[in-house]
Amino acid sequence: MVQNKTGSAGDQPPLIEFTGVTRTYGEGEAMVRALAGVDLRVDEGEFAAIMGPSGSGKSTAMNIIGCLDTPTAGNYRFQGVDVGSLTRDQRALLRRNYLGFVFQGFNLLARTSAIDNVELPLIYRGTPRVERIQMAREALAKVGLTGWEHHEPGELSGGQQQRVAIARAIVTGPDVLLADEPTGNLDMARSHEIMELLTGLNQQEGITIIMVTHEPDMAEYASRLVHFVDGKVQSDTMNRKAA
C-alpha cells in the first residue's frame, strides 16, 4: 500500500468505511435490494477494483462512495465523518473537494479545448484564471498530454480523450479517484495504457483509486480485488500479481 498523505494507515481512521450499508429502491413487491448489508473499508493509498455481474451492487456502492446516492440503512464514513449526517450541500462540497470522477464515456465538452475541459472543476471552485490555467497544464502533463492543450475532443483519440478526463479528475488534487469502467470504450492497447496511467497516479501521487470494472484483465492492475454478488461482498482479496 502507498504511504498516505498524512501519515501511516494505522494513525488514521479508514478513508472510506461502510458498516451494514443497505440500499433499496421501490416498495412492496416492486422493491429492489441493490445492497444488502455491505461492510467495506478502503484505506488511503489503496487501488481497489470492484467487480461483479450486472445487478450485483457494485455501481450502487460506487454511487454512495461518490455521494451521488445515500444508503437506505447502515453507515458510510469518509475520513471518520458520518456522511449520512451531512446536508446535501455538505455532501456536494465533499464531492467537489475530495473526490475525482472518471467515466466510461469521457464526458468532455465538445468544441472545447482540452485545457478548458480540465479547468472546469477549478472554475466551479472559484480558482483565479491564471492559477487554474497553470494547474490544468500540470494535470495534462501528468497524463502525458503536454502539447495537446488546445486540441478539442474531436481531434483526439479515445485514449487521449480519457487522459483529458483523468486530468480533469485530478486537477483539484482529490484524495480519491472513482473510476467507473474507465476502459469500457477503448481498444485493448489503449485500455492497458490507461490502466498503467492510473497505476502511476496511485503509486507516485498517492491517490486512492476505486475502480468498477467487468474486465478481469483491467482489474489485475489493482492491488485489491473486491467481488460483489447479489448486493453483498462475496470476496475481498489482495492481488499479489499487482504487488
C-alpha atoms as a PDB file:
ATOM      1  CA  MET A   1       0.000   0.000   0.000  1.00  0.00           C
ATOM      2  CA  VAL A   2       1.196   3.522  -0.800  1.00  0.00           C
ATOM      3  CA  GLN A   3       2.011   5.718   2.190  1.00  0.00           C
ATOM      4  CA  ASN A   4      -0.861   8.183   2.653  1.00  0.00           C
ATOM      5  CA  LYS A   5      -0.585  11.940   2.628  1.00  0.00           C
ATOM      6  CA  THR A   6      -0.935  12.454   6.381  1.00  0.00           C
ATOM      7  CA  GLY A   7       0.891   9.532   7.939  1.00  0.00           C
ATOM      8  CA  SER A   8       0.746   5.772   8.196  1.00  0.00           C
ATOM      9  CA  ALA A   9      -2.557   3.976   7.757  1.00  0.00           C
ATOM     10  CA  GLY A  10      -2.529   2.948  11.410  1.00  0.00           C
ATOM     11  CA  ASP A  11      -2.639   6.589  12.556  1.00  0.00           C
ATOM     12  CA  GLN A  12      -5.869   7.395  10.719  1.00  0.00           C
ATOM     13  CA  PRO A  13      -9.419   6.080  10.506  1.00  0.00           C
ATOM     14  CA  PRO A  14     -10.245   4.298   7.246  1.00  0.00           C
ATOM     15  CA  LEU A  15     -10.543   6.718   4.357  1.00  0.00           C
ATOM     16  CA  ILE A  16     -13.820   5.033   3.377  1.00  0.00           C
ATOM     17  CA  GLU A  17     -15.874   2.727   5.585  1.00  0.00           C
ATOM     18  CA  PHE A  18     -19.228   1.034   5.021  1.00  0.00           C
ATOM     19  CA  THR A  19     -20.916  -0.617   8.003  1.00  0.00           C
ATOM     20  CA  GLY A  20     -24.015  -2.636   7.205  1.00  0.00           C
ATOM     21  CA  VAL A  21     -24.860  -0.448   4.210  1.00  0.00           C
ATOM     22  CA  THR A  22     -28.180  -1.320   2.571  1.00  0.00           C
ATOM     23  CA  ARG A  23     -29.749   0.385  -0.441  1.00  0.00           C
ATOM     24  CA  THR A  24     -33.250  -0.435  -1.630  1.00  0.00           C
ATOM     25  CA  TYR A  25     -35.355   1.068  -4.388  1.00  0.00           C
ATOM     26  CA  GLY A  26     -39.145   0.924  -4.625  1.00  0.00           C
ATOM     27  CA  GLU A  27     -41.596  -0.581  -2.161  1.00  0.00           C
ATOM     28  CA  GLY A  28     -43.529  -3.788  -1.566  1.00  0.00           C
ATOM     29  CA  GLU A  29     -43.272  -6.455  -4.245  1.00  0.00           C
ATOM     30  CA  ALA A  30     -41.514  -3.993  -6.539  1.00  0.00           C
ATOM     31  CA  MET A  31     -38.708  -3.350  -4.048  1.00  0.00           C
ATOM     32  CA  VAL A  32     -35.177  -3.998  -5.301  1.00  0.00           C
ATOM     33  CA  ARG A  33     -32.369  -4.529  -2.782  1.00  0.00           C
ATOM     34  CA  ALA A  34     -29.275  -3.233  -4.551  1.00  0.00           C
ATOM     35  CA  LEU A  35     -27.060  -3.512  -1.457  1.00  0.00           C
ATOM     36  CA  ALA A  36     -27.830  -5.956   1.330  1.00  0.00           C
ATOM     37  CA  GLY A  37     -25.720  -5.053   4.349  1.00  0.00           C
ATOM     38  CA  VAL A  38     -22.254  -4.279   2.973  1.00  0.00           C
ATOM     39  CA  ASP A  39     -19.205  -3.940   5.206  1.00  0.00           C
ATOM     40  CA  LEU A  40     -16.227  -2.437   3.398  1.00  0.00           C
ATOM     41  CA  ARG A  41     -13.220  -0.306   4.219  1.00  0.00           C
ATOM     42  CA  VAL A  42     -10.653   1.336   1.975  1.00  0.00           C
ATOM     43  CA  ASP A  43      -7.500   2.900   3.384  1.00  0.00           C
ATOM     44  CA  GLU A  44      -5.606   5.823   1.915  1.00  0.00           C
ATOM     45  CA  GLY A  45      -3.317   4.883  -0.944  1.00  0.00           C
ATOM     46  CA  GLU A  46      -5.097   1.697  -1.971  1.00  0.00           C
ATOM     47  CA  PHE A  47      -6.096   0.769  -5.522  1.00  0.00           C
ATOM     48  CA  ALA A  48      -9.252  -1.333  -5.264  1.00  0.00           C
ATOM     49  CA  ALA A  49     -11.106  -2.887  -8.188  1.00  0.00           C
ATOM     50  CA  ILE A  50     -14.791  -3.629  -7.593  1.00  0.00           C
ATOM     51  CA  MET A  51     -16.119  -6.415  -9.775  1.00  0.00           C
ATOM     52  CA  GLY A  52     -19.321  -8.384 -10.146  1.00  0.00           C
ATOM     53  CA  PRO A  53     -22.080  -9.287 -12.593  1.00  0.00           C
ATOM     54  CA  SER A  54     -24.739  -6.827 -13.703  1.00  0.00           C
ATOM     55  CA  GLY A  55     -27.035  -6.052 -10.788  1.00  0.00           C
ATOM     56  CA  SER A  56     -24.512  -7.150  -8.168  1.00  0.00           C
ATOM     57  CA  GLY A  57     -24.472  -3.747  -6.456  1.00  0.00           C
ATOM     58  CA  LYS A  58     -21.029  -2.551  -7.497  1.00  0.00           C
ATOM     59  CA  SER A  59     -22.274   0.621  -9.225  1.00  0.00           C
ATOM     60  CA  THR A  60     -24.627   1.405  -6.338  1.00  0.00           C
ATOM     61  CA  ALA A  61     -21.697   1.128  -3.922  1.00  0.00           C
ATOM     62  CA  MET A  62     -19.662   3.460  -6.151  1.00  0.00           C
ATOM     63  CA  ASN A  63     -22.502   5.993  -6.257  1.00  0.00           C
ATOM     64  CA  ILE A  64     -22.749   6.010  -2.464  1.00  0.00           C
ATOM     65  CA  ILE A  65     -18.977   6.429  -2.078  1.00  0.00           C
ATOM     66  CA  GLY A  66     -19.185   9.322  -4.554  1.00  0.00           C
ATOM     67  CA  CYS A  67     -22.029  10.996  -2.630  1.00  0.00           C
ATOM     68  CA  LEU A  68     -24.300  10.617  -5.659  1.00  0.00           C
ATOM     69  CA  ASP A  69     -26.638   8.370  -3.634  1.00  0.00           C
ATOM     70  CA  THR A  70     -27.280   7.663   0.040  1.00  0.00           C
ATOM     71  CA  PRO A  71     -27.806   4.395   1.961  1.00  0.00           C
ATOM     72  CA  THR A  72     -31.279   3.280   2.973  1.00  0.00           C
ATOM     73  CA  ALA A  73     -29.723   1.866   6.155  1.00  0.00           C
ATOM     74  CA  GLY A  74     -26.279   1.403   7.613  1.00  0.00           C
ATOM     75  CA  ASN A  75     -23.420   3.849   7.891  1.00  0.00           C
ATOM     76  CA  TYR A  76     -20.938   5.407   5.446  1.00  0.00           C
ATOM     77  CA  ARG A  77     -17.968   7.271   6.885  1.00  0.00           C
ATOM     78  CA  PHE A  78     -15.424   9.297   4.936  1.00  0.00           C
ATOM     79  CA  GLN A  79     -12.239  10.095   6.868  1.00  0.00           C
ATOM     80  CA  GLY A  80     -14.185   9.230  10.013  1.00  0.00           C
ATOM     81  CA  VAL A  81     -17.060  11.607   9.232  1.00  0.00           C
ATOM     82  CA  ASP A  82     -20.590  10.186   9.077  1.00  0.00           C
ATOM     83  CA  VAL A  83     -21.622  11.134   5.542  1.00  0.00           C
ATOM     84  CA  GLY A  84     -25.255  10.318   6.349  1.00  0.00           C
ATOM     85  CA  SER A  85     -25.323  13.215   8.831  1.00  0.00           C
ATOM     86  CA  LEU A  86     -24.258  15.750   6.191  1.00  0.00           C
ATOM     87  CA  THR A  87     -26.670  18.005   4.350  1.00  0.00           C
ATOM     88  CA  ARG A  88     -26.983  17.819   0.575  1.00  0.00           C
ATOM     89  CA  ASP A  89     -24.806  20.935   0.249  1.00  0.00           C
ATOM     90  CA  GLN A  90     -22.160  19.440   2.547  1.00  0.00           C
ATOM     91  CA  ARG A  91     -22.109  16.236   0.520  1.00  0.00           C
ATOM     92  CA  ALA A  92     -21.673  18.333  -2.622  1.00  0.00           C
ATOM     93  CA  LEU A  93     -18.676  20.049  -1.023  1.00  0.00           C
ATOM     94  CA  LEU A  94     -17.197  16.676  -0.057  1.00  0.00           C
ATOM     95  CA  ARG A  95     -17.641  15.517  -3.645  1.00  0.00           C
ATOM     96  CA  ARG A  96     -16.082  18.697  -5.039  1.00  0.00           C
ATOM     97  CA  ASN A  97     -13.121  18.917  -2.666  1.00  0.00           C
ATOM     98  CA  TYR A  98     -12.131  15.301  -2.032  1.00  0.00           C
ATOM     99  CA  LEU A  99     -13.320  13.182  -4.962  1.00  0.00           C
ATOM    100  CA  GLY A 100     -12.479  12.937  -8.653  1.00  0.00           C
ATOM    101  CA  PHE A 101     -14.600  11.035 -11.175  1.00  0.00           C
ATOM    102  CA  VAL A 102     -13.715   9.227 -14.403  1.00  0.00           C
ATOM    103  CA  PHE A 103     -16.440   7.637 -16.516  1.00  0.00           C
ATOM    104  CA  GLN A 104     -16.629   5.204 -19.407  1.00  0.00           C
ATOM    105  CA  GLY A 105     -17.979   7.876 -21.765  1.00  0.00           C
ATOM    106  CA  PHE A 106     -15.288  10.560 -21.090  1.00  0.00           C
ATOM    107  CA  ASN A 107     -17.988  13.277 -20.667  1.00  0.00           C
ATOM    108  CA  LEU A 108     -15.907  16.024 -22.268  1.00  0.00           C
ATOM    109  CA  LEU A 109     -17.400  19.211 -23.649  1.00  0.00           C
ATOM    110  CA  ALA A 110     -17.306  19.136 -27.457  1.00  0.00           C
ATOM    111  CA  ARG A 111     -15.763  22.048 -29.364  1.00  0.00           C
ATOM    112  CA  THR A 112     -13.912  22.960 -26.160  1.00  0.00           C
ATOM    113  CA  SER A 113     -10.150  22.598 -25.827  1.00  0.00           C
ATOM    114  CA  ALA A 114      -8.512  20.018 -23.593  1.00  0.00           C
ATOM    115  CA  ILE A 115      -7.222  22.661 -21.216  1.00  0.00           C
ATOM    116  CA  ASP A 116     -10.646  24.313 -20.966  1.00  0.00           C
ATOM    117  CA  ASN A 117     -12.205  20.927 -20.159  1.00  0.00           C
ATOM    118  CA  VAL A 118      -9.641  20.333 -17.424  1.00  0.00           C
ATOM    119  CA  GLU A 119     -10.201  23.804 -15.957  1.00  0.00           C
ATOM    120  CA  LEU A 120     -13.921  23.231 -15.352  1.00  0.00           C
ATOM    121  CA  PRO A 121     -13.718  21.929 -11.748  1.00  0.00           C
ATOM    122  CA  LEU A 122     -11.465  24.866 -10.870  1.00  0.00           C
ATOM    123  CA  ILE A 123     -13.978  27.329 -12.287  1.00  0.00           C
ATOM    124  CA  TYR A 124     -16.631  25.839 -10.007  1.00  0.00           C
ATOM    125  CA  ARG A 125     -14.223  26.322  -7.110  1.00  0.00           C
ATOM    126  CA  GLY A 126     -13.637  29.961  -7.998  1.00  0.00           C
ATOM    127  CA  THR A 127      -9.911  29.484  -8.661  1.00  0.00           C
ATOM    128  CA  PRO A 128      -8.358  32.599 -10.297  1.00  0.00           C
ATOM    129  CA  ARG A 129      -7.811  32.225 -14.045  1.00  0.00           C
ATOM    130  CA  VAL A 130      -4.001  32.409 -14.082  1.00  0.00           C
ATOM    131  CA  GLU A 131      -3.767  29.826 -11.306  1.00  0.00           C
ATOM    132  CA  ARG A 132      -6.234  27.430 -12.884  1.00  0.00           C
ATOM    133  CA  ILE A 133      -4.505  27.558 -16.278  1.00  0.00           C
ATOM    134  CA  GLN A 134      -1.237  26.568 -14.590  1.00  0.00           C
ATOM    135  CA  MET A 135      -2.943  23.782 -12.617  1.00  0.00           C
ATOM    136  CA  ALA A 136      -4.653  22.489 -15.766  1.00  0.00           C
ATOM    137  CA  ARG A 137      -1.345  22.444 -17.665  1.00  0.00           C
ATOM    138  CA  GLU A 138       0.279  20.494 -14.834  1.00  0.00           C
ATOM    139  CA  ALA A 139      -2.587  17.975 -14.765  1.00  0.00           C
ATOM    140  CA  LEU A 140      -2.355  17.456 -18.532  1.00  0.00           C
ATOM    141  CA  ALA A 141       1.414  16.945 -18.186  1.00  0.00           C
ATOM    142  CA  LYS A 142       0.821  14.237 -15.576  1.00  0.00           C
ATOM    143  CA  VAL A 143      -1.309  12.284 -18.066  1.00  0.00           C
ATOM    144  CA  GLY A 144       1.177  12.717 -20.912  1.00  0.00           C
ATOM    145  CA  LEU A 145      -0.651  15.385 -22.920  1.00  0.00           C
ATOM    146  CA  THR A 146       1.809  18.268 -22.922  1.00  0.00           C
ATOM    147  CA  GLY A 147       1.423  19.930 -26.319  1.00  0.00           C
ATOM    148  CA  TRP A 148      -2.206  18.853 -26.713  1.00  0.00           C
ATOM    149  CA  GLU A 149      -3.732  21.569 -24.526  1.00  0.00           C
ATOM    150  CA  HIS A 150      -5.605  23.337 -27.322  1.00  0.00           C
ATOM    151  CA  HIS A 151      -6.953  20.316 -29.163  1.00  0.00           C
ATOM    152  CA  GLU A 152     -10.689  19.668 -28.980  1.00  0.00           C
ATOM    153  CA  PRO A 153     -12.088  16.200 -28.201  1.00  0.00           C
ATOM    154  CA  GLY A 154     -12.896  15.574 -31.864  1.00  0.00           C
ATOM    155  CA  GLU A 155      -9.191  15.966 -32.664  1.00  0.00           C
ATOM    156  CA  LEU A 156      -8.138  13.406 -30.036  1.00  0.00           C
ATOM    157  CA  SER A 157      -8.162   9.619 -29.987  1.00  0.00           C
ATOM    158  CA  GLY A 158     -10.314   7.773 -27.478  1.00  0.00           C
ATOM    159  CA  GLY A 159      -7.311   7.121 -25.277  1.00  0.00           C
ATOM    160  CA  GLN A 160      -6.329  10.784 -25.374  1.00  0.00           C
ATOM    161  CA  GLN A 161      -9.879  11.836 -24.525  1.00  0.00           C
ATOM    162  CA  GLN A 162      -9.822   9.570 -21.467  1.00  0.00           C
ATOM    163  CA  ARG A 163      -6.489  11.093 -20.478  1.00  0.00           C
ATOM    164  CA  VAL A 164      -8.098  14.545 -20.611  1.00  0.00           C
ATOM    165  CA  ALA A 165     -10.934  13.224 -18.447  1.00  0.00           C
ATOM    166  CA  ILE A 166      -8.411  11.851 -15.939  1.00  0.00           C
ATOM    167  CA  ALA A 167      -6.569  15.188 -15.903  1.00  0.00           C
ATOM    168  CA  ARG A 168      -9.873  16.922 -15.177  1.00  0.00           C
ATOM    169  CA  ALA A 169     -10.498  14.465 -12.327  1.00  0.00           C
ATOM    170  CA  ILE A 170      -7.101  15.026 -10.676  1.00  0.00           C
ATOM    171  CA  VAL A 171      -6.660  18.773 -11.268  1.00  0.00           C
ATOM    172  CA  THR A 172      -8.229  19.581  -7.888  1.00  0.00           C
ATOM    173  CA  GLY A 173      -5.879  17.216  -6.038  1.00  0.00           C
ATOM    174  CA  PRO A 174      -8.570  14.777  -4.848  1.00  0.00           C
ATOM    175  CA  ASP A 175      -7.970  12.207  -2.132  1.00  0.00           C
ATOM    176  CA  VAL A 176      -9.949   9.603  -4.073  1.00  0.00           C
ATOM    177  CA  LEU A 177     -10.338   8.905  -7.783  1.00  0.00           C
ATOM    178  CA  LEU A 178     -13.524   6.991  -8.611  1.00  0.00           C
ATOM    179  CA  ALA A 179     -13.274   5.289 -11.993  1.00  0.00           C
ATOM    180  CA  ASP A 180     -16.422   3.690 -13.441  1.00  0.00           C
ATOM    181  CA  GLU A 181     -15.478   1.332 -16.301  1.00  0.00           C
ATOM    182  CA  PRO A 182     -12.689   3.723 -17.408  1.00  0.00           C
ATOM    183  CA  THR A 183     -11.571   1.447 -20.264  1.00  0.00           C
ATOM    184  CA  GLY A 184     -15.035   0.381 -21.439  1.00  0.00           C
ATOM    185  CA  ASN A 185     -14.891   2.434 -24.663  1.00  0.00           C
ATOM    186  CA  LEU A 186     -11.260   1.719 -25.543  1.00  0.00           C
ATOM    187  CA  ASP A 187      -9.418  -0.951 -27.503  1.00  0.00           C
ATOM    188  CA  MET A 188      -7.080  -3.306 -25.667  1.00  0.00           C
ATOM    189  CA  ALA A 189      -3.871  -1.348 -26.294  1.00  0.00           C
ATOM    190  CA  ARG A 190      -5.382   1.963 -25.145  1.00  0.00           C
ATOM    191  CA  SER A 191      -7.008   0.204 -22.186  1.00  0.00           C
ATOM    192  CA  HIS A 192      -3.653  -1.012 -20.909  1.00  0.00           C
ATOM    193  CA  GLU A 193      -2.186   2.486 -21.388  1.00  0.00           C
ATOM    194  CA  ILE A 194      -4.953   3.993 -19.268  1.00  0.00           C
ATOM    195  CA  MET A 195      -4.505   1.349 -16.577  1.00  0.00           C
ATOM    196  CA  GLU A 196      -0.766   1.990 -16.465  1.00  0.00           C
ATOM    197  CA  LEU A 197      -1.527   5.694 -16.091  1.00  0.00           C
ATOM    198  CA  LEU A 198      -3.931   5.049 -13.205  1.00  0.00           C
ATOM    199  CA  THR A 199      -1.398   2.753 -11.548  1.00  0.00           C
ATOM    200  CA  GLY A 200       1.212   5.506 -11.804  1.00  0.00           C
ATOM    201  CA  LEU A 201      -1.114   8.077 -10.248  1.00  0.00           C
ATOM    202  CA  ASN A 202      -1.787   5.666  -7.397  1.00  0.00           C
ATOM    203  CA  GLN A 203       1.833   4.756  -6.748  1.00  0.00           C
ATOM    204  CA  GLN A 204       3.540   8.081  -7.472  1.00  0.00           C
ATOM    205  CA  GLU A 205       0.888  10.635  -6.470  1.00  0.00           C
ATOM    206  CA  GLY A 206      -0.627   8.607  -3.614  1.00  0.00           C
ATOM    207  CA  ILE A 207      -4.162   8.974  -4.974  1.00  0.00           C
ATOM    208  CA  THR A 208      -6.546   6.334  -3.669  1.00  0.00           C
ATOM    209  CA  ILE A 209      -8.341   4.701  -6.607  1.00  0.00           C
ATOM    210  CA  ILE A 210     -11.599   2.771  -6.540  1.00  0.00           C
ATOM    211  CA  MET A 211     -12.481   1.333  -9.927  1.00  0.00           C
ATOM    212  CA  VAL A 212     -15.588  -0.504 -11.076  1.00  0.00           C
ATOM    213  CA  THR A 213     -14.850  -2.872 -13.947  1.00  0.00           C
ATOM    214  CA  HIS A 214     -16.181  -6.064 -15.512  1.00  0.00           C
ATOM    215  CA  GLU A 215     -12.865  -6.757 -17.249  1.00  0.00           C
ATOM    216  CA  PRO A 216     -10.582  -9.167 -15.327  1.00  0.00           C
ATOM    217  CA  ASP A 217      -7.519  -8.026 -17.291  1.00  0.00           C
ATOM    218  CA  MET A 218      -8.059  -4.439 -16.138  1.00  0.00           C
ATOM    219  CA  ALA A 219      -8.802  -5.467 -12.546  1.00  0.00           C
ATOM    220  CA  GLU A 220      -5.394  -7.161 -12.383  1.00  0.00           C
ATOM    221  CA  TYR A 221      -3.763  -3.727 -12.242  1.00  0.00           C
ATOM    222  CA  ALA A 222      -5.399  -3.084  -8.852  1.00  0.00           C
ATOM    223  CA  SER A 223      -3.758  -4.108  -5.596  1.00  0.00           C
ATOM    224  CA  ARG A 224      -7.061  -5.290  -4.186  1.00  0.00           C
ATOM    225  CA  LEU A 225      -9.996  -7.174  -5.747  1.00  0.00           C
ATOM    226  CA  VAL A 226     -13.496  -6.857  -4.280  1.00  0.00           C
ATOM    227  CA  HIS A 227     -16.223  -9.059  -5.789  1.00  0.00           C
ATOM    228  CA  PHE A 228     -19.897  -8.182  -5.340  1.00  0.00           C
ATOM    229  CA  VAL A 229     -22.701 -10.721  -5.802  1.00  0.00           C
ATOM    230  CA  ASP A 230     -26.391 -10.106  -5.058  1.00  0.00           C
ATOM    231  CA  GLY A 231     -25.743  -6.871  -3.183  1.00  0.00           C
ATOM    232  CA  LYS A 232     -23.071  -8.301  -0.903  1.00  0.00           C
ATOM    233  CA  VAL A 233     -19.288  -8.564  -0.846  1.00  0.00           C
ATOM    234  CA  GLN A 234     -18.576 -12.152  -1.859  1.00  0.00           C
ATOM    235  CA  SER A 235     -14.785 -11.860  -1.633  1.00  0.00           C
ATOM    236  CA  ASP A 236     -12.180  -9.227  -0.800  1.00  0.00           C
ATOM    237  CA  THR A 237      -8.581 -10.193  -1.512  1.00  0.00           C
ATOM    238  CA  MET A 238      -5.201  -8.602  -2.078  1.00  0.00           C
ATOM    239  CA  ASN A 239      -3.907  -9.009  -5.616  1.00  0.00           C
ATOM    240  CA  ARG A 240      -0.397 -10.391  -5.393  1.00  0.00           C
ATOM    241  CA  LYS A 241       0.088 -10.030  -9.160  1.00  0.00           C
ATOM    242  CA  ALA A 242      -0.050  -6.244  -8.810  1.00  0.00           C
ATOM    243  CA  ALA A 243       2.440  -6.146  -5.945  1.00  0.00           C
END
